[in-house]
N, C-alpha and C. Protein backbone atom coordinates (compact mmCIF):
# COMPACT_ATOMS: atom_id res chain seq x y z
N MET A 1 66.05 157.74 178.39
CA MET A 1 65.82 156.83 177.26
C MET A 1 65.15 155.54 177.69
N THR A 2 65.83 154.78 178.52
CA THR A 2 65.22 153.50 178.95
C THR A 2 64.84 153.60 180.41
N THR A 3 63.82 152.87 180.77
CA THR A 3 63.49 152.75 182.15
C THR A 3 64.29 151.55 182.69
N PRO A 4 64.34 151.35 184.02
CA PRO A 4 65.18 150.31 184.53
C PRO A 4 64.84 148.90 184.03
N ASP A 5 63.66 148.70 183.50
CA ASP A 5 63.28 147.35 183.04
C ASP A 5 63.25 147.22 181.51
N GLU A 6 63.92 148.14 180.81
CA GLU A 6 63.92 148.08 179.37
C GLU A 6 65.31 148.28 178.80
N LEU A 7 65.55 147.71 177.61
CA LEU A 7 66.81 147.83 176.92
C LEU A 7 66.64 148.75 175.73
N ARG A 8 67.68 149.50 175.39
CA ARG A 8 67.67 150.35 174.24
C ARG A 8 68.35 149.66 173.08
N LEU A 9 67.69 149.59 171.93
CA LEU A 9 68.30 149.06 170.71
C LEU A 9 69.27 150.10 170.20
N LEU A 10 70.52 149.73 170.08
CA LEU A 10 71.55 150.66 169.65
C LEU A 10 71.56 150.79 168.13
N PRO A 11 72.06 151.94 167.62
CA PRO A 11 72.02 152.16 166.18
C PRO A 11 73.13 151.50 165.39
N TRP A 12 73.70 150.45 165.90
CA TRP A 12 74.69 149.67 165.19
C TRP A 12 74.46 148.19 165.50
N SER A 13 75.07 147.33 164.68
CA SER A 13 74.94 145.88 164.86
C SER A 13 76.21 145.32 165.43
N GLY A 14 76.06 144.17 166.05
CA GLY A 14 77.23 143.45 166.58
C GLY A 14 77.72 142.45 165.58
N PRO A 15 78.57 141.52 166.01
CA PRO A 15 79.09 140.47 165.11
C PRO A 15 77.97 139.71 164.45
N GLY A 16 78.12 139.44 163.18
CA GLY A 16 77.12 138.70 162.45
C GLY A 16 75.82 139.46 162.21
N GLY A 17 75.86 140.79 162.39
CA GLY A 17 74.69 141.58 162.14
C GLY A 17 73.64 141.52 163.25
N LYS A 18 74.01 140.94 164.38
CA LYS A 18 73.07 140.81 165.50
C LYS A 18 72.84 142.14 166.16
N PRO A 19 71.63 142.40 166.68
CA PRO A 19 71.36 143.68 167.32
C PRO A 19 72.13 143.84 168.63
N CYS A 20 72.45 145.08 168.96
CA CYS A 20 73.12 145.43 170.22
C CYS A 20 72.16 146.22 171.05
N TYR A 21 72.17 145.97 172.34
CA TYR A 21 71.25 146.66 173.28
C TYR A 21 72.06 147.27 174.41
N LEU A 22 71.48 148.36 174.96
CA LEU A 22 72.10 149.04 176.07
C LEU A 22 71.10 149.00 177.25
N SER A 23 71.62 148.63 178.39
CA SER A 23 70.81 148.63 179.63
C SER A 23 71.36 149.74 180.52
N THR A 24 70.59 150.83 180.64
CA THR A 24 71.01 151.93 181.50
C THR A 24 69.80 152.80 181.82
N ASP A 25 69.83 153.46 182.93
CA ASP A 25 68.82 154.43 183.26
C ASP A 25 69.41 155.83 183.22
N ASP A 26 70.63 155.97 182.65
CA ASP A 26 71.32 157.25 182.57
C ASP A 26 71.35 157.71 181.12
N PRO A 27 70.39 158.61 180.72
CA PRO A 27 70.38 159.09 179.37
C PRO A 27 71.57 160.00 179.02
N ASP A 28 72.34 160.41 180.05
CA ASP A 28 73.49 161.25 179.85
C ASP A 28 74.80 160.50 179.93
N GLY A 29 74.71 159.16 180.04
CA GLY A 29 75.91 158.35 180.10
C GLY A 29 76.62 158.32 178.73
N TYR A 30 77.89 157.91 178.73
CA TYR A 30 78.68 157.89 177.51
C TYR A 30 78.03 157.12 176.40
N MET A 31 77.57 155.89 176.66
CA MET A 31 77.01 155.06 175.60
C MET A 31 75.67 155.64 175.09
N SER A 32 74.87 156.19 175.98
CA SER A 32 73.62 156.81 175.54
C SER A 32 73.89 157.99 174.64
N ARG A 33 74.85 158.84 175.01
CA ARG A 33 75.20 160.00 174.20
C ARG A 33 75.78 159.57 172.85
N LEU A 34 76.62 158.54 172.88
CA LEU A 34 77.20 158.02 171.64
C LEU A 34 76.09 157.53 170.71
N ALA A 35 75.16 156.76 171.25
CA ALA A 35 74.04 156.24 170.42
C ALA A 35 73.23 157.40 169.88
N ASP A 36 72.94 158.42 170.72
CA ASP A 36 72.20 159.59 170.26
C ASP A 36 72.90 160.29 169.11
N SER A 37 74.23 160.44 169.22
CA SER A 37 75.01 161.10 168.18
C SER A 37 75.00 160.30 166.86
N ILE A 38 75.12 159.00 166.99
CA ILE A 38 75.12 158.15 165.77
C ILE A 38 73.75 158.19 165.13
N GLU A 39 72.69 158.13 165.94
CA GLU A 39 71.33 158.22 165.38
C GLU A 39 71.14 159.57 164.65
N ALA A 40 71.63 160.67 165.21
CA ALA A 40 71.51 161.95 164.56
C ALA A 40 72.25 161.97 163.24
N LEU A 41 73.44 161.37 163.21
CA LEU A 41 74.20 161.28 161.93
C LEU A 41 73.45 160.47 160.90
N GLN A 42 72.87 159.34 161.34
CA GLN A 42 72.14 158.46 160.42
C GLN A 42 70.91 159.19 159.84
N LEU A 43 70.19 159.90 160.67
CA LEU A 43 69.01 160.64 160.20
C LEU A 43 69.41 161.78 159.29
N GLY A 44 70.53 162.44 159.56
CA GLY A 44 71.03 163.49 158.70
C GLY A 44 71.45 162.93 157.32
N THR A 45 72.09 161.80 157.34
CA THR A 45 72.47 161.16 156.08
C THR A 45 71.26 160.84 155.24
N ALA A 46 70.22 160.27 155.87
CA ALA A 46 68.99 159.93 155.17
C ALA A 46 68.36 161.20 154.54
N LYS A 47 68.35 162.25 155.30
CA LYS A 47 67.77 163.55 154.79
C LYS A 47 68.56 164.01 153.57
N ASP A 48 69.87 163.96 153.64
CA ASP A 48 70.72 164.39 152.52
C ASP A 48 70.48 163.52 151.30
N LEU A 49 70.35 162.19 151.49
CA LEU A 49 70.08 161.30 150.38
C LEU A 49 68.71 161.56 149.73
N LEU A 50 67.72 161.88 150.54
CA LEU A 50 66.40 162.23 150.00
C LEU A 50 66.51 163.46 149.10
N GLU A 51 67.25 164.47 149.52
CA GLU A 51 67.45 165.64 148.70
C GLU A 51 68.18 165.30 147.39
N GLU A 52 69.19 164.43 147.48
CA GLU A 52 69.94 164.03 146.29
C GLU A 52 69.06 163.26 145.33
N VAL A 53 68.27 162.32 145.84
CA VAL A 53 67.42 161.52 144.96
C VAL A 53 66.35 162.38 144.29
N THR A 54 65.86 163.40 144.99
CA THR A 54 64.89 164.31 144.43
C THR A 54 65.49 165.05 143.21
N GLU A 55 66.73 165.51 143.38
CA GLU A 55 67.43 166.21 142.29
C GLU A 55 67.65 165.25 141.08
N VAL A 56 68.02 164.01 141.37
CA VAL A 56 68.26 163.04 140.31
C VAL A 56 66.98 162.75 139.55
N ILE A 57 65.89 162.55 140.30
CA ILE A 57 64.60 162.27 139.67
C ILE A 57 64.12 163.46 138.85
N ASP A 58 64.26 164.66 139.40
CA ASP A 58 63.83 165.86 138.69
C ASP A 58 64.68 166.07 137.41
N GLY A 59 65.97 165.74 137.49
CA GLY A 59 66.85 165.92 136.34
C GLY A 59 66.66 164.86 135.28
N GLN A 60 66.32 163.65 135.63
CA GLN A 60 66.07 162.54 134.78
C GLN A 60 67.22 162.26 133.77
N ASP A 61 68.45 162.61 134.17
CA ASP A 61 69.57 162.32 133.27
C ASP A 61 70.66 161.48 133.95
N ALA A 62 70.30 160.78 135.00
CA ALA A 62 71.27 159.97 135.71
C ALA A 62 71.48 158.64 134.97
N SER A 63 72.71 158.18 135.00
CA SER A 63 73.02 156.90 134.37
C SER A 63 72.48 155.74 135.22
N LEU A 64 72.46 154.57 134.63
CA LEU A 64 72.01 153.39 135.35
C LEU A 64 72.96 153.11 136.53
N ASP A 65 74.26 153.29 136.34
CA ASP A 65 75.20 153.09 137.41
C ASP A 65 75.02 154.08 138.55
N GLU A 66 74.72 155.34 138.22
CA GLU A 66 74.45 156.31 139.25
C GLU A 66 73.16 155.97 140.03
N MET A 67 72.18 155.48 139.32
CA MET A 67 70.93 155.09 139.98
C MET A 67 71.15 153.91 140.89
N ARG A 68 71.92 152.91 140.45
CA ARG A 68 72.23 151.76 141.28
C ARG A 68 72.92 152.19 142.58
N CYS A 69 73.91 153.07 142.43
CA CYS A 69 74.68 153.55 143.59
C CYS A 69 73.74 154.26 144.56
N LEU A 70 72.86 155.08 144.04
CA LEU A 70 71.92 155.81 144.86
C LEU A 70 70.97 154.87 145.58
N VAL A 71 70.51 153.84 144.87
CA VAL A 71 69.60 152.86 145.50
C VAL A 71 70.30 152.11 146.65
N ILE A 72 71.56 151.76 146.45
CA ILE A 72 72.34 151.09 147.48
C ILE A 72 72.46 152.01 148.73
N GLU A 73 72.79 153.27 148.49
CA GLU A 73 72.91 154.22 149.61
C GLU A 73 71.59 154.44 150.29
N LEU A 74 70.54 154.54 149.52
CA LEU A 74 69.18 154.71 150.12
C LEU A 74 68.77 153.51 150.91
N THR A 75 69.11 152.33 150.44
CA THR A 75 68.77 151.10 151.20
C THR A 75 69.47 151.10 152.56
N GLY A 76 70.73 151.45 152.59
CA GLY A 76 71.45 151.53 153.87
C GLY A 76 70.86 152.57 154.78
N ALA A 77 70.50 153.74 154.24
CA ALA A 77 69.94 154.81 155.04
C ALA A 77 68.56 154.41 155.56
N LEU A 78 67.78 153.75 154.74
CA LEU A 78 66.45 153.30 155.20
C LEU A 78 66.59 152.29 156.31
N ARG A 79 67.56 151.39 156.21
CA ARG A 79 67.82 150.39 157.27
C ARG A 79 68.16 151.11 158.58
N ASP A 80 69.02 152.14 158.47
CA ASP A 80 69.41 152.90 159.68
C ASP A 80 68.21 153.62 160.28
N VAL A 81 67.41 154.28 159.46
CA VAL A 81 66.27 155.03 159.95
C VAL A 81 65.26 154.09 160.58
N TYR A 82 65.07 152.94 159.98
CA TYR A 82 64.15 151.96 160.55
C TYR A 82 64.64 151.52 161.94
N ARG A 83 65.93 151.29 162.08
CA ARG A 83 66.49 150.92 163.39
C ARG A 83 66.29 152.04 164.40
N VAL A 84 66.51 153.30 164.00
CA VAL A 84 66.29 154.42 164.92
C VAL A 84 64.83 154.46 165.34
N ALA A 85 63.91 154.32 164.37
CA ALA A 85 62.48 154.35 164.66
C ALA A 85 62.09 153.21 165.61
N THR A 86 62.67 152.05 165.36
CA THR A 86 62.36 150.89 166.24
C THR A 86 62.89 151.19 167.61
N SER A 87 64.10 151.71 167.74
CA SER A 87 64.66 152.00 169.04
C SER A 87 63.85 153.00 169.82
N ARG A 88 63.38 154.02 169.13
CA ARG A 88 62.64 155.06 169.81
C ARG A 88 61.20 154.69 170.12
N GLY A 89 60.67 153.77 169.34
CA GLY A 89 59.25 153.41 169.52
C GLY A 89 59.02 152.13 170.25
N TYR A 90 60.06 151.37 170.46
CA TYR A 90 59.87 150.04 171.09
C TYR A 90 61.12 149.73 171.90
N LEU A 91 60.99 149.55 173.15
CA LEU A 91 62.09 149.15 174.00
C LEU A 91 61.83 147.74 174.48
N VAL A 92 62.86 146.92 174.47
CA VAL A 92 62.76 145.50 174.77
C VAL A 92 62.70 145.28 176.28
N PRO A 93 61.62 144.68 176.80
CA PRO A 93 61.54 144.42 178.22
C PRO A 93 62.59 143.41 178.69
N THR A 94 63.13 143.63 179.88
CA THR A 94 64.15 142.73 180.41
C THR A 94 63.58 141.65 181.29
N GLY A 95 62.31 141.75 181.61
CA GLY A 95 61.67 140.75 182.50
C GLY A 95 61.61 141.18 183.93
N ARG A 96 62.31 142.26 184.25
CA ARG A 96 62.21 142.78 185.64
C ARG A 96 60.90 143.46 185.85
N PRO A 97 60.27 143.33 187.00
CA PRO A 97 58.99 143.97 187.22
C PRO A 97 59.14 145.51 187.31
N ARG A 98 58.17 146.21 186.77
CA ARG A 98 58.16 147.66 186.85
C ARG A 98 57.81 148.07 188.29
N GLY A 99 58.42 149.16 188.73
CA GLY A 99 58.13 149.53 190.10
C GLY A 99 58.10 150.94 190.35
């Protein structure tokens, strides 16, 4: 996942919503596997919500409260997917020289 001079953005936030990072060169370590598992769950939840929203839109008989609830869930899922995409596409340099 990360090279020795990069940090991995983890799929959860710390106190106050601040990002959490992992510094490791072991993709099979406990924290790396935990982050991979949580990312997989987050992506699966987003996929399920997309299917649900498609059914709601096709049916066009959802109440305003049901739509609000779905929008709230979709917002959270989108936030999680964005974090996963950021983590996989951009690793934060630690300042150590590459070698």
